[in-house]
Amino acid sequence: MLNVKIGTRGSKLALAQTSNVLELLAEQDIPAESKIIVTSGDAMHDRDLHQIGGQGVFVHELDNAILHGDIDAAVHSMKDIPVDRPDGIITAAILPRDPPYDFLVSNQPVKNLKNIYSIGTSSTRRRAQLLRYYQSMPLVLVEPLRGNVDTRLEKLNNGFYDAIVLAEAGLVRLGYHVNGMRLPVDQFVPSPNQGTVAVVCRDTSELREIFAPLNDFQTTFDTGVERLIMEQVGGGCFTPQGIFCRDGHLIAEVLSLAGDRSNRIVENVQSFEEAIEIGMQFRDIASDLIEEVKITIGSKS
């Protein structure tokens, strides 16, 4: 039997996610091992994600390692996986979803978000949603924050921010118990596929068979709906957009970079075909904001 080589980034979170997949394979008596792949995105902590190519920068080099035969598969946070995928690589399994929410972490008492004045985040979506929430409090600063989970928490502990926003799923996977609060999903709609781990692999029948038992069908449907909406909207990784589906109930929004304007839809989706149609309709609704963001980001490149 093939000894499956699974590639991973070297961060604690990536290693924890990969370790979980290795344990699931071990339960099926599938021999497997991990191999750390260092990506260029991991070395660039001084720039925002949109300046280095978005979340997909972390996936591209692992894809190449699969295609070159250095590894057989890779484990990713699914929200990092770009829409356009190379030939010869498939998403072989989507694991049951962890908490998909954003989590505001602070070392001071947080009865509500009004106690915070300096917030760190690495995403244009979170920045826009925070600016929207704090639009009546112009003194609140939403500032760039890069690095892995430990680096971000260290910056918080060193007093660079009053609070930072992280994916709750990452904290859960790392077993971290931190002070703070879960952000309400209706005001902070998560990124598409947030809280979900996916296994991608070389497209062979043997690897398909190996990873198929790890796949969770409800998560596959919900994240598939989110991904189809994202593909139809076509805003790219630079556009502030939240897309979240739970058991077919969909919330999707696109925001301006400043968070002062947004478009939103709320729908119940029963099929992927319906998701495509809804996505096309939403693209028309949000087209002005999407184009505005593209022009603004392009002018800063």
C-alpha atoms as a PDB file:
ATOM      1  CA  MET A   1       0.000   0.000   0.000  1.00  0.00           C
ATOM      2  CA  LEU A   2       1.132   3.533  -0.770  1.00  0.00           C
ATOM      3  CA  ASN A   3       2.755   5.411   2.116  1.00  0.00           C
ATOM      4  CA  VAL A   4       0.986   8.747   1.670  1.00  0.00           C
ATOM      5  CA  LYS A   5       3.163  11.848   1.929  1.00  0.00           C
ATOM      6  CA  ILE A   6       1.133  14.824   3.099  1.00  0.00           C
ATOM      7  CA  GLY A   7       2.553  18.316   2.705  1.00  0.00           C
ATOM      8  CA  THR A   8       1.897  21.093   5.193  1.00  0.00           C
ATOM      9  CA  ARG A   9       3.073  24.554   6.128  1.00  0.00           C
ATOM     10  CA  GLY A  10       5.195  24.674   9.262  1.00  0.00           C
ATOM     11  CA  SER A  11       2.942  26.775  11.476  1.00  0.00           C
ATOM     12  CA  LYS A  12       1.444  25.224  14.623  1.00  0.00           C
ATOM     13  CA  LEU A  13      -2.030  25.492  13.135  1.00  0.00           C
ATOM     14  CA  ALA A  14      -1.089  23.850   9.839  1.00  0.00           C
ATOM     15  CA  LEU A  15       0.736  21.072  11.704  1.00  0.00           C
ATOM     16  CA  ALA A  16      -2.261  20.517  14.005  1.00  0.00           C
ATOM     17  CA  GLN A  17      -4.600  20.251  11.030  1.00  0.00           C
ATOM     18  CA  THR A  18      -2.305  17.811   9.271  1.00  0.00           C
ATOM     19  CA  SER A  19      -1.830  15.769  12.446  1.00  0.00           C
ATOM     20  CA  ASN A  20      -5.599  15.362  12.650  1.00  0.00           C
ATOM     21  CA  VAL A  21      -5.710  14.022   9.091  1.00  0.00           C
ATOM     22  CA  LEU A  22      -2.853  11.626   9.851  1.00  0.00           C
ATOM     23  CA  GLU A  23      -4.787  10.322  12.866  1.00  0.00           C
ATOM     24  CA  LEU A  24      -7.905   9.807  10.750  1.00  0.00           C
ATOM     25  CA  LEU A  25      -5.879   7.851   8.197  1.00  0.00           C
ATOM     26  CA  ALA A  26      -4.245   5.785  10.959  1.00  0.00           C
ATOM     27  CA  GLU A  27      -7.715   4.758  12.152  1.00  0.00           C
ATOM     28  CA  GLN A  28      -8.154   3.172   8.709  1.00  0.00           C
ATOM     29  CA  ASP A  29      -4.682   1.581   8.812  1.00  0.00           C
ATOM     30  CA  ILE A  30      -3.447   3.858   6.023  1.00  0.00           C
ATOM     31  CA  PRO A  31       0.310   4.529   6.355  1.00  0.00           C
ATOM     32  CA  ALA A  32       1.042   8.245   6.015  1.00  0.00           C
ATOM     33  CA  GLU A  33       3.616  10.849   6.988  1.00  0.00           C
ATOM     34  CA  SER A  34       3.881  14.635   6.875  1.00  0.00           C
ATOM     35  CA  LYS A  35       6.417  16.841   5.127  1.00  0.00           C
ATOM     36  CA  ILE A  36       6.820  20.556   5.866  1.00  0.00           C
ATOM     37  CA  ILE A  37       6.847  22.838   2.819  1.00  0.00           C
ATOM     38  CA  VAL A  38       8.030  26.401   3.444  1.00  0.00           C
ATOM     39  CA  THR A  39       6.067  28.905   1.335  1.00  0.00           C
ATOM     40  CA  SER A  40       7.156  32.395   0.319  1.00  0.00           C
ATOM     41  CA  GLY A  41       4.038  33.813   1.979  1.00  0.00           C
ATOM     42  CA  ASP A  42       5.243  32.558   5.356  1.00  0.00           C
ATOM     43  CA  ALA A  43       8.342  34.731   5.073  1.00  0.00           C
ATOM     44  CA  MET A  44       6.516  37.981   4.245  1.00  0.00           C
ATOM     45  CA  HIS A  45       5.095  39.260   7.528  1.00  0.00           C
ATOM     46  CA  ASP A  46       5.536  42.955   6.770  1.00  0.00           C
ATOM     47  CA  ARG A  47       2.821  43.292   4.110  1.00  0.00           C
ATOM     48  CA  ASP A  48      -0.927  42.771   3.906  1.00  0.00           C
ATOM     49  CA  LEU A  49      -2.136  39.580   2.248  1.00  0.00           C
ATOM     50  CA  HIS A  50      -3.560  41.401  -0.771  1.00  0.00           C
ATOM     51  CA  GLN A  51      -0.079  42.815  -1.446  1.00  0.00           C
ATOM     52  CA  ILE A  52       1.528  39.363  -1.770  1.00  0.00           C
ATOM     53  CA  GLY A  53      -1.211  37.634  -3.749  1.00  0.00           C
ATOM     54  CA  GLY A  54      -3.912  36.842  -1.202  1.00  0.00           C
ATOM     55  CA  GLN A  55      -4.476  33.636   0.734  1.00  0.00           C
ATOM     56  CA  GLY A  56      -3.708  31.534  -2.373  1.00  0.00           C
ATOM     57  CA  VAL A  57      -0.020  32.331  -2.000  1.00  0.00           C
ATOM     58  CA  PHE A  58       0.121  29.671   0.744  1.00  0.00           C
ATOM     59  CA  VAL A  59      -1.439  27.002  -1.474  1.00  0.00           C
ATOM     60  CA  HIS A  60       0.435  27.492  -4.738  1.00  0.00           C
ATOM     61  CA  GLU A  61       3.761  26.040  -3.617  1.00  0.00           C
ATOM     62  CA  LEU A  62       2.118  23.002  -2.036  1.00  0.00           C
ATOM     63  CA  ASP A  63       0.267  22.447  -5.314  1.00  0.00           C
ATOM     64  CA  ASN A  64       3.605  22.497  -7.126  1.00  0.00           C
ATOM     65  CA  ALA A  65       5.052  19.985  -4.670  1.00  0.00           C
ATOM     66  CA  ILE A  66       2.145  17.631  -5.448  1.00  0.00           C
ATOM     67  CA  LEU A  67       2.522  18.044  -9.203  1.00  0.00           C
ATOM     68  CA  HIS A  68       6.291  17.474  -8.983  1.00  0.00           C
ATOM     69  CA  GLY A  69       5.782  14.284  -6.961  1.00  0.00           C
ATOM     70  CA  ASP A  70       7.450  15.558  -3.777  1.00  0.00           C
ATOM     71  CA  ILE A  71       4.225  14.909  -1.842  1.00  0.00           C
ATOM     72  CA  ASP A  72       0.967  13.119  -2.608  1.00  0.00           C
ATOM     73  CA  ALA A  73      -1.459  15.445  -0.846  1.00  0.00           C
ATOM     74  CA  ALA A  74      -1.716  18.587   1.250  1.00  0.00           C
ATOM     75  CA  VAL A  75      -3.927  19.798   4.066  1.00  0.00           C
ATOM     76  CA  HIS A  76      -5.295  23.346   3.908  1.00  0.00           C
ATOM     77  CA  SER A  77      -7.712  25.626   5.641  1.00  0.00           C
ATOM     78  CA  MET A  78     -10.287  25.467   2.865  1.00  0.00           C
ATOM     79  CA  LYS A  79     -10.811  29.229   2.776  1.00  0.00           C
ATOM     80  CA  ASP A  80      -7.195  29.579   1.598  1.00  0.00           C
ATOM     81  CA  ILE A  81      -7.759  27.472  -1.528  1.00  0.00           C
ATOM     82  CA  PRO A  82      -8.183  29.678  -4.641  1.00  0.00           C
ATOM     83  CA  VAL A  83     -11.096  29.248  -7.030  1.00  0.00           C
ATOM     84  CA  ASP A  84      -8.836  28.406  -9.979  1.00  0.00           C
ATOM     85  CA  ARG A  85      -7.123  25.072  -9.418  1.00  0.00           C
ATOM     86  CA  PRO A  86      -4.376  23.415 -11.473  1.00  0.00           C
ATOM     87  CA  ASP A  87      -5.104  20.387 -13.614  1.00  0.00           C
ATOM     88  CA  GLY A  88      -4.205  17.133 -11.924  1.00  0.00           C
ATOM     89  CA  ILE A  89      -5.140  18.200  -8.388  1.00  0.00           C
ATOM     90  CA  ILE A  90      -8.501  17.551  -6.733  1.00  0.00           C
ATOM     91  CA  THR A  91     -10.146  18.310  -3.414  1.00  0.00           C
ATOM     92  CA  ALA A  92     -10.374  14.751  -2.127  1.00  0.00           C
ATOM     93  CA  ALA A  93     -12.002  15.294   1.273  1.00  0.00           C
ATOM     94  CA  ILE A  94     -13.660  18.050   3.295  1.00  0.00           C
ATOM     95  CA  LEU A  95     -13.646  17.400   7.026  1.00  0.00           C
ATOM     96  CA  PRO A  96     -16.570  18.199   9.376  1.00  0.00           C
ATOM     97  CA  ARG A  97     -16.667  21.927   9.956  1.00  0.00           C
ATOM     98  CA  ASP A  98     -15.208  23.463  13.097  1.00  0.00           C
ATOM     99  CA  PRO A  99     -16.707  26.709  14.479  1.00  0.00           C
ATOM    100  CA  PRO A 100     -16.807  29.026  11.434  1.00  0.00           C
ATOM    101  CA  TYR A 101     -17.003  32.293  13.378  1.00  0.00           C
ATOM    102  CA  ASP A 102     -14.611  35.175  13.908  1.00  0.00           C
ATOM    103  CA  PHE A 103     -13.387  35.599  17.468  1.00  0.00           C
ATOM    104  CA  LEU A 104     -12.289  38.874  19.051  1.00  0.00           C
ATOM    105  CA  VAL A 105      -9.402  38.237  21.455  1.00  0.00           C
ATOM    106  CA  SER A 106      -8.538  40.806  24.137  1.00  0.00           C
ATOM    107  CA  ASN A 107      -6.713  40.791  27.456  1.00  0.00           C
ATOM    108  CA  GLN A 108      -9.093  43.362  28.899  1.00  0.00           C
ATOM    109  CA  PRO A 109     -12.697  42.656  29.942  1.00  0.00           C
ATOM    110  CA  VAL A 110     -14.887  42.519  26.869  1.00  0.00           C
ATOM    111  CA  LYS A 111     -18.535  43.050  27.743  1.00  0.00           C
ATOM    112  CA  ASN A 112     -19.120  44.372  24.263  1.00  0.00           C
ATOM    113  CA  LEU A 113     -17.072  45.629  21.355  1.00  0.00           C
ATOM    114  CA  LYS A 114     -17.383  49.266  22.475  1.00  0.00           C
ATOM    115  CA  ASN A 115     -14.470  48.822  24.919  1.00  0.00           C
ATOM    116  CA  ILE A 116     -11.926  48.354  22.119  1.00  0.00           C
ATOM    117  CA  TYR A 117      -9.952  51.113  20.371  1.00  0.00           C
ATOM    118  CA  SER A 118      -7.122  49.389  18.494  1.00  0.00           C
ATOM    119  CA  ILE A 119      -7.810  46.155  16.606  1.00  0.00           C
ATOM    120  CA  GLY A 120      -5.450  44.027  14.536  1.00  0.00           C
ATOM    121  CA  THR A 121      -6.563  41.938  11.578  1.00  0.00           C
ATOM    122  CA  SER A 122      -5.009  40.569   8.408  1.00  0.00           C
ATOM    123  CA  SER A 123      -8.116  40.468   6.212  1.00  0.00           C
ATOM    124  CA  THR A 124      -9.862  43.123   4.135  1.00  0.00           C
ATOM    125  CA  ARG A 125     -13.215  41.530   5.027  1.00  0.00           C
ATOM    126  CA  ARG A 126     -12.686  41.743   8.781  1.00  0.00           C
ATOM    127  CA  ARG A 127     -11.337  45.268   8.432  1.00  0.00           C
ATOM    128  CA  ALA A 128     -14.404  46.412   6.481  1.00  0.00           C
ATOM    129  CA  GLN A 129     -16.820  44.715   8.892  1.00  0.00           C
ATOM    130  CA  LEU A 130     -15.055  46.251  11.908  1.00  0.00           C
ATOM    131  CA  LEU A 131     -15.077  49.702  10.309  1.00  0.00           C
ATOM    132  CA  ARG A 132     -18.800  49.280   9.660  1.00  0.00           C
ATOM    133  CA  TYR A 133     -19.417  48.292  13.265  1.00  0.00           C
ATOM    134  CA  TYR A 134     -17.374  51.232  14.571  1.00  0.00           C
ATOM    135  CA  GLN A 135     -18.591  53.811  12.043  1.00  0.00           C
ATOM    136  CA  SER A 136     -19.930  55.997  14.877  1.00  0.00           C
ATOM    137  CA  MET A 137     -16.557  55.797  16.687  1.00  0.00           C
ATOM    138  CA  PRO A 138     -13.947  57.281  14.309  1.00  0.00           C
ATOM    139  CA  LEU A 139     -11.160  57.074  16.912  1.00  0.00           C
ATOM    140  CA  VAL A 140     -11.129  53.268  16.714  1.00  0.00           C
ATOM    141  CA  LEU A 141      -8.144  52.056  14.669  1.00  0.00           C
ATOM    142  CA  VAL A 142      -8.228  48.847  12.618  1.00  0.00           C
ATOM    143  CA  GLU A 143      -4.596  48.063  11.896  1.00  0.00           C
ATOM    144  CA  PRO A 144      -2.728  45.424   9.840  1.00  0.00           C
ATOM    145  CA  LEU A 145      -1.693  42.210  11.582  1.00  0.00           C
ATOM    146  CA  ARG A 146       0.214  39.352   9.932  1.00  0.00           C
ATOM    147  CA  GLY A 147       1.845  36.177  11.191  1.00  0.00           C
ATOM    148  CA  ASN A 148       0.688  32.836  12.554  1.00  0.00           C
ATOM    149  CA  VAL A 149      -1.690  32.543  15.496  1.00  0.00           C
ATOM    150  CA  ASP A 150       1.094  32.558  18.106  1.00  0.00           C
ATOM    151  CA  THR A 151       2.730  35.623  16.551  1.00  0.00           C
ATOM    152  CA  ARG A 152      -0.550  37.513  16.540  1.00  0.00           C
ATOM    153  CA  LEU A 153      -1.313  36.597  20.149  1.00  0.00           C
ATOM    154  CA  GLU A 154       2.197  37.664  21.143  1.00  0.00           C
ATOM    155  CA  LYS A 155       1.682  41.073  19.531  1.00  0.00           C
ATOM    156  CA  LEU A 156      -1.569  41.422  21.463  1.00  0.00           C
ATOM    157  CA  ASN A 157       0.138  40.450  24.728  1.00  0.00           C
ATOM    158  CA  ASN A 158       2.908  42.968  24.044  1.00  0.00           C
ATOM    159  CA  GLY A 159       0.359  45.771  23.876  1.00  0.00           C
ATOM    160  CA  PHE A 160       0.447  46.568  20.164  1.00  0.00           C
ATOM    161  CA  TYR A 161      -3.363  46.193  20.021  1.00  0.00           C
ATOM    162  CA  ASP A 162      -6.304  46.307  22.400  1.00  0.00           C
ATOM    163  CA  ALA A 163      -7.746  43.317  20.546  1.00  0.00           C
ATOM    164  CA  ILE A 164      -7.178  41.123  17.536  1.00  0.00           C
ATOM    165  CA  VAL A 165      -9.610  39.124  15.408  1.00  0.00           C
ATOM    166  CA  LEU A 166      -8.882  35.476  14.617  1.00  0.00           C
ATOM    167  CA  ALA A 167     -10.814  32.534  13.233  1.00  0.00           C
ATOM    168  CA  GLU A 168     -12.319  30.679  16.178  1.00  0.00           C
ATOM    169  CA  ALA A 169     -11.600  27.368  14.435  1.00  0.00           C
ATOM    170  CA  GLY A 170      -7.860  27.975  14.650  1.00  0.00           C
ATOM    171  CA  LEU A 171      -8.051  28.554  18.383  1.00  0.00           C
ATOM    172  CA  VAL A 172     -10.083  25.358  18.813  1.00  0.00           C
ATOM    173  CA  ARG A 173      -7.670  23.250  16.742  1.00  0.00           C
ATOM    174  CA  LEU A 174      -4.713  24.530  18.740  1.00  0.00           C
ATOM    175  CA  GLY A 175      -6.526  23.981  22.050  1.00  0.00           C
ATOM    176  CA  TYR A 176      -6.124  27.637  23.026  1.00  0.00           C
ATOM    177  CA  HIS A 177      -8.435  29.157  25.629  1.00  0.00           C
ATOM    178  CA  VAL A 178      -8.324  32.937  25.318  1.00  0.00           C
ATOM    179  CA  ASN A 179     -10.238  35.875  26.723  1.00  0.00           C
ATOM    180  CA  GLY A 180     -12.673  37.447  24.301  1.00  0.00           C
ATOM    181  CA  MET A 181     -15.915  36.861  22.484  1.00  0.00           C
ATOM    182  CA  ARG A 182     -17.359  35.189  19.423  1.00  0.00           C
ATOM    183  CA  LEU A 183     -18.465  37.808  16.898  1.00  0.00           C
ATOM    184  CA  PRO A 184     -22.124  37.533  15.795  1.00  0.00           C
ATOM    185  CA  VAL A 185     -22.417  35.911  12.393  1.00  0.00           C
ATOM    186  CA  ASP A 186     -25.102  38.314  11.167  1.00  0.00           C
ATOM    187  CA  GLN A 187     -22.756  41.309  11.626  1.00  0.00           C
ATOM    188  CA  PHE A 188     -19.464  39.547  10.890  1.00  0.00           C
ATOM    189  CA  VAL A 189     -20.340  37.126   8.099  1.00  0.00           C
ATOM    190  CA  PRO A 190     -17.389  34.704   7.824  1.00  0.00           C
ATOM    191  CA  SER A 191     -15.212  34.181   4.778  1.00  0.00           C
ATOM    192  CA  PRO A 192     -16.379  31.420   2.453  1.00  0.00           C
ATOM    193  CA  ASN A 193     -15.255  28.020   3.782  1.00  0.00           C
ATOM    194  CA  GLN A 194     -13.956  29.454   7.077  1.00  0.00           C
ATOM    195  CA  GLY A 195     -13.638  26.806   9.785  1.00  0.00           C
ATOM    196  CA  THR A 196     -13.173  24.002   7.274  1.00  0.00           C
ATOM    197  CA  VAL A 197     -10.165  21.802   6.563  1.00  0.00           C
ATOM    198  CA  ALA A 198      -9.751  20.228   3.130  1.00  0.00           C
ATOM    199  CA  VAL A 199      -7.396  17.612   1.771  1.00  0.00           C
ATOM    200  CA  VAL A 200      -6.167  18.128  -1.790  1.00  0.00           C
ATOM    201  CA  CYS A 201      -4.246  15.462  -3.658  1.00  0.00           C
ATOM    202  CA  ARG A 202      -2.927  14.258  -6.977  1.00  0.00           C
ATOM    203  CA  ASP A 203      -5.859  13.062  -9.048  1.00  0.00           C
ATOM    204  CA  THR A 204      -5.438   9.290  -8.960  1.00  0.00           C
ATOM    205  CA  SER A 205      -7.978   6.591  -8.200  1.00  0.00           C
ATOM    206  CA  GLU A 206      -5.816   5.237  -5.360  1.00  0.00           C
ATOM    207  CA  LEU A 207      -5.627   8.586  -3.551  1.00  0.00           C
ATOM    208  CA  ARG A 208      -9.313   9.277  -4.147  1.00  0.00           C
ATOM    209  CA  GLU A 209     -10.151   5.971  -2.460  1.00  0.00           C
ATOM    210  CA  ILE A 210      -7.809   6.630   0.452  1.00  0.00           C
ATOM    211  CA  PHE A 211      -9.275  10.035   1.329  1.00  0.00           C
ATOM    212  CA  ALA A 212     -12.957   9.444   0.475  1.00  0.00           C
ATOM    213  CA  PRO A 213     -13.915   8.144   3.974  1.00  0.00           C
ATOM    214  CA  LEU A 214     -12.755  11.426   5.533  1.00  0.00           C
ATOM    215  CA  ASN A 215     -15.314  13.475   3.619  1.00  0.00           C
ATOM    216  CA  ASP A 216     -18.292  15.008   5.482  1.00  0.00           C
ATOM    217  CA  PHE A 217     -21.292  15.385   3.185  1.00  0.00           C
ATOM    218  CA  GLN A 218     -23.131  18.238   4.959  1.00  0.00           C
ATOM    219  CA  THR A 219     -19.965  20.311   5.192  1.00  0.00           C
ATOM    220  CA  THR A 220     -19.230  19.497   1.556  1.00  0.00           C
ATOM    221  CA  PHE A 221     -22.640  20.831   0.545  1.00  0.00           C
ATOM    222  CA  ASP A 222     -22.480  24.001   2.641  1.00  0.00           C
ATOM    223  CA  THR A 223     -18.935  24.876   1.630  1.00  0.00           C
ATOM    224  CA  GLY A 224     -19.758  23.969  -1.965  1.00  0.00           C
ATOM    225  CA  VAL A 225     -22.609  26.492  -1.933  1.00  0.00           C
ATOM    226  CA  GLU A 226     -20.284  29.139  -0.482  1.00  0.00           C
ATOM    227  CA  ARG A 227     -17.662  28.411  -3.109  1.00  0.00           C
ATOM    228  CA  LEU A 228     -20.134  28.573  -5.979  1.00  0.00           C
ATOM    229  CA  ILE A 229     -21.450  31.918  -4.750  1.00  0.00           C
ATOM    230  CA  MET A 230     -17.855  33.157  -4.466  1.00  0.00           C
ATOM    231  CA  GLU A 231     -17.056  31.953  -7.993  1.00  0.00           C
ATOM    232  CA  GLN A 232     -20.096  33.669  -9.476  1.00  0.00           C
ATOM    233  CA  VAL A 233     -19.542  36.912  -7.590  1.00  0.00           C
ATOM    234  CA  GLY A 234     -15.942  36.909  -8.813  1.00  0.00           C
ATOM    235  CA  GLY A 235     -14.682  39.554  -6.408  1.00  0.00           C
ATOM    236  CA  GLY A 236     -11.406  37.748  -5.801  1.00  0.00           C
ATOM    237  CA  CYS A 237      -9.511  37.528  -2.536  1.00  0.00           C
ATOM    238  CA  PHE A 238      -9.149  41.316  -2.317  1.00  0.00           C
ATOM    239  CA  THR A 239     -12.866  42.118  -2.131  1.00  0.00           C
ATOM    240  CA  PRO A 240     -14.340  42.332   1.394  1.00  0.00           C
ATOM    241  CA  GLN A 241     -16.975  39.622   1.222  1.00  0.00           C
ATOM    242  CA  GLY A 242     -18.583  37.251   3.677  1.00  0.00           C
ATOM    243  CA  ILE A 243     -20.335  34.114   2.450  1.00  0.00           C
ATOM    244  CA  PHE A 244     -21.683  31.622   4.953  1.00  0.00           C
ATOM    245  CA  CYS A 245     -24.022  28.650   4.513  1.00  0.00           C
ATOM    246  CA  ARG A 246     -25.294  26.398   7.303  1.00  0.00           C
ATOM    247  CA  ASP A 247     -27.607  23.518   6.422  1.00  0.00           C
ATOM    248  CA  GLY A 248     -28.523  25.355   3.219  1.00  0.00           C
ATOM    249  CA  HIS A 249     -29.253  28.730   4.874  1.00  0.00           C
ATOM    250  CA  LEU A 250     -27.091  31.310   3.115  1.00  0.00           C
ATOM    251  CA  ILE A 251     -25.937  34.794   4.109  1.00  0.00           C
ATOM    252  CA  ALA A 252     -23.687  36.636   1.653  1.00  0.00           C
ATOM    253  CA  GLU A 253     -22.437  40.195   1.599  1.00  0.00           C
ATOM    254  CA  VAL A 254     -19.962  42.405  -0.227  1.00  0.00           C
ATOM    255  CA  LEU A 255     -18.636  45.544   1.465  1.00  0.00           C
ATOM    256  CA  SER A 256     -16.715  48.623   0.445  1.00  0.00           C
ATOM    257  CA  LEU A 257     -13.146  48.774   1.732  1.00  0.00           C
ATOM    258  CA  ALA A 258     -14.189  51.434   4.250  1.00  0.00           C
ATOM    259  CA  GLY A 259     -17.178  49.384   5.425  1.00  0.00           C
ATOM    260  CA  ASP A 260     -19.547  52.290   4.862  1.00  0.00           C
ATOM    261  CA  ARG A 261     -21.572  50.523   2.141  1.00  0.00           C
ATOM    262  CA  SER A 262     -22.587  46.936   1.531  1.00  0.00           C
ATOM    263  CA  ASN A 263     -24.884  44.617  -0.400  1.00  0.00           C
ATOM    264  CA  ARG A 264     -26.386  41.514   1.183  1.00  0.00           C
ATOM    265  CA  ILE A 265     -28.601  38.549   0.345  1.00  0.00           C
ATOM    266  CA  VAL A 266     -30.193  35.923   2.608  1.00  0.00           C
ATOM    267  CA  GLU A 267     -31.481  32.773   0.916  1.00  0.00           C
ATOM    268  CA  ASN A 268     -32.262  29.094   1.498  1.00  0.00           C
ATOM    269  CA  VAL A 269     -30.350  26.964  -1.001  1.00  0.00           C
ATOM    270  CA  GLN A 270     -31.286  23.388  -1.863  1.00  0.00           C
ATOM    271  CA  SER A 271     -28.898  22.549  -4.702  1.00  0.00           C
ATOM    272  CA  PHE A 272     -25.654  23.599  -6.321  1.00  0.00           C
ATOM    273  CA  GLU A 273     -27.602  24.638  -9.417  1.00  0.00           C
ATOM    274  CA  GLU A 274     -29.653  27.013  -7.293  1.00  0.00           C
ATOM    275  CA  ALA A 275     -26.465  28.347  -5.707  1.00  0.00           C
ATOM    276  CA  ILE A 276     -25.063  29.234  -9.133  1.00  0.00           C
ATOM    277  CA  GLU A 277     -28.240  31.125 -10.032  1.00  0.00           C
ATOM    278  CA  ILE A 278     -28.240  33.012  -6.713  1.00  0.00           C
ATOM    279  CA  GLY A 279     -24.565  33.815  -7.158  1.00  0.00           C
ATOM    280  CA  MET A 280     -25.180  35.304 -10.594  1.00  0.00           C
ATOM    281  CA  GLN A 281     -28.001  37.442  -9.214  1.00  0.00           C
ATOM    282  CA  PHE A 282     -25.849  38.616  -6.321  1.00  0.00           C
ATOM    283  CA  ARG A 283     -22.987  39.481  -8.676  1.00  0.00           C
ATOM    284  CA  ASP A 284     -25.295  41.882 -10.498  1.00  0.00           C
ATOM    285  CA  ILE A 285     -26.449  43.409  -7.210  1.00  0.00           C
ATOM    286  CA  ALA A 286     -22.897  43.901  -5.894  1.00  0.00           C
ATOM    287  CA  SER A 287     -21.144  44.715  -9.177  1.00  0.00           C
ATOM    288  CA  ASP A 288     -20.553  48.400  -8.406  1.00  0.00           C
ATOM    289  CA  LEU A 289     -18.846  47.660  -5.085  1.00  0.00           C
ATOM    290  CA  ILE A 290     -16.747  44.862  -6.585  1.00  0.00           C
ATOM    291  CA  GLU A 291     -15.513  47.098  -9.396  1.00  0.00           C
ATOM    292  CA  GLU A 292     -14.773  49.904  -6.962  1.00  0.00           C
ATOM    293  CA  VAL A 293     -12.610  47.608  -4.823  1.00  0.00           C
ATOM    294  CA  LYS A 294     -10.737  46.290  -7.871  1.00  0.00           C
ATOM    295  CA  ILE A 295      -9.929  49.817  -9.016  1.00  0.00           C
ATOM    296  CA  THR A 296      -8.865  50.940  -5.531  1.00  0.00           C
ATOM    297  CA  ILE A 297      -6.662  47.896  -4.856  1.00  0.00           C
ATOM    298  CA  GLY A 298      -5.197  48.134  -8.348  1.00  0.00           C
ATOM    299  CA  SER A 299      -4.228  51.757  -7.866  1.00  0.00           C
ATOM    300  CA  LYS A 300      -2.326  50.819  -4.681  1.00  0.00           C
ATOM    301  CA  SER A 301      -0.411  47.921  -6.225  1.00  0.00           C
END
